[in-house]
């Protein structure tokens, strides 16, 4: 599955696009301005997205990749 396919599936399942999820992460204190805060671990993001949206590991890691700057919207 491509990175964009993960983001598309997340949008379908949750109704939240990448910008929405980045803003929610800011609100939860995991990030600031859509960028992951130092010391925040992938497991914290996985736990949050699983609890709040029922997302699994792979989809949660796609959001983590956005927050950490490893991937951007439109990446394959």
Protein backbone atom coordinates (compact mmCIF):
# COMPACT_ATOMS: atom_id res chain seq x y z
CA UNK A 1 0.00 0.00 0.00
CA UNK A 2 1.36 3.41 -0.91
CA UNK A 3 1.70 6.17 1.63
CA UNK A 4 -1.08 8.15 -0.06
CA UNK A 5 -3.33 5.07 0.06
CA UNK A 6 -2.83 4.94 3.84
CA UNK A 7 -3.86 8.60 4.10
CA UNK A 8 -6.89 8.04 1.86
CA UNK A 9 -8.02 5.07 3.96
CA UNK A 10 -7.58 7.06 7.17
CA UNK A 11 -9.80 9.81 5.71
CA UNK A 12 -12.44 7.25 4.70
CA UNK A 13 -12.44 5.55 8.12
CA UNK A 14 -12.25 8.63 10.33
CA UNK A 15 -13.44 11.54 8.22
CA UNK A 16 -10.15 13.25 9.13
CA UNK A 17 -7.57 14.35 6.58
CA UNK A 18 -3.87 14.85 7.27
CA UNK A 19 -4.30 18.50 8.28
CA UNK A 20 -7.06 17.53 10.72
CA UNK A 21 -4.91 14.84 12.32
CA UNK A 22 -1.92 17.17 12.63
CA UNK A 23 -4.13 19.74 14.37
CA UNK A 24 -5.52 17.06 16.69
CA UNK A 25 -1.98 15.94 17.54
CA UNK A 26 -1.18 19.55 18.47
CA UNK A 27 -4.25 19.61 20.70
CA UNK A 28 -3.19 16.39 22.40
CA UNK A 29 0.25 17.86 23.08
CA UNK A 30 2.15 15.44 20.84
CA UNK A 31 3.19 18.13 18.40
CA UNK A 32 3.42 21.85 17.88
CA UNK A 33 2.56 23.40 14.53
CA UNK A 34 2.13 19.92 13.10
CA UNK A 35 5.68 18.91 14.01
CA UNK A 36 6.37 16.16 16.53
CA UNK A 37 7.68 17.39 19.86
CA UNK A 38 11.02 15.99 21.03
CA UNK A 39 10.65 12.86 23.10
CA UNK A 40 7.27 11.81 21.67
CA UNK A 41 7.50 8.18 20.59
CA UNK A 42 5.69 6.34 17.82
CA UNK A 43 3.99 4.13 20.40
CA UNK A 44 2.23 7.15 21.89
CA UNK A 45 0.81 8.09 18.50
CA UNK A 46 -0.23 4.49 17.80
CA UNK A 47 -1.97 4.26 21.18
CA UNK A 48 -3.81 7.57 20.69
CA UNK A 49 -5.02 6.82 17.16
CA UNK A 50 -6.04 3.30 18.11
CA UNK A 51 -8.02 4.49 21.12
CA UNK A 52 -9.67 7.51 19.49
CA UNK A 53 -10.17 6.27 15.93
CA UNK A 54 -9.63 2.50 15.90
CA UNK A 55 -6.63 2.81 13.59
CA UNK A 56 -4.12 0.00 13.45
CA UNK A 57 -0.34 0.08 13.52
CA UNK A 58 0.28 0.75 9.82
CA UNK A 59 -2.19 3.60 9.50
CA UNK A 60 -1.00 5.14 12.75
CA UNK A 61 2.59 4.96 11.55
CA UNK A 62 1.58 6.92 8.45
CA UNK A 63 0.38 9.72 10.73
CA UNK A 64 3.59 9.43 12.76
CA UNK A 65 5.58 9.75 9.52
CA UNK A 66 3.76 13.00 8.77
CA UNK A 67 4.34 14.36 12.27
CA UNK A 68 8.01 13.42 12.26
CA UNK A 69 8.58 14.92 8.80
CA UNK A 70 9.65 11.61 7.26
CA UNK A 71 6.77 11.80 4.78
CA UNK A 72 4.61 14.52 3.29
CA UNK A 73 1.17 14.52 1.76
CA UNK A 74 1.57 13.38 -1.85
CA UNK A 75 4.50 11.02 -1.14
CA UNK A 76 4.27 7.54 -2.55
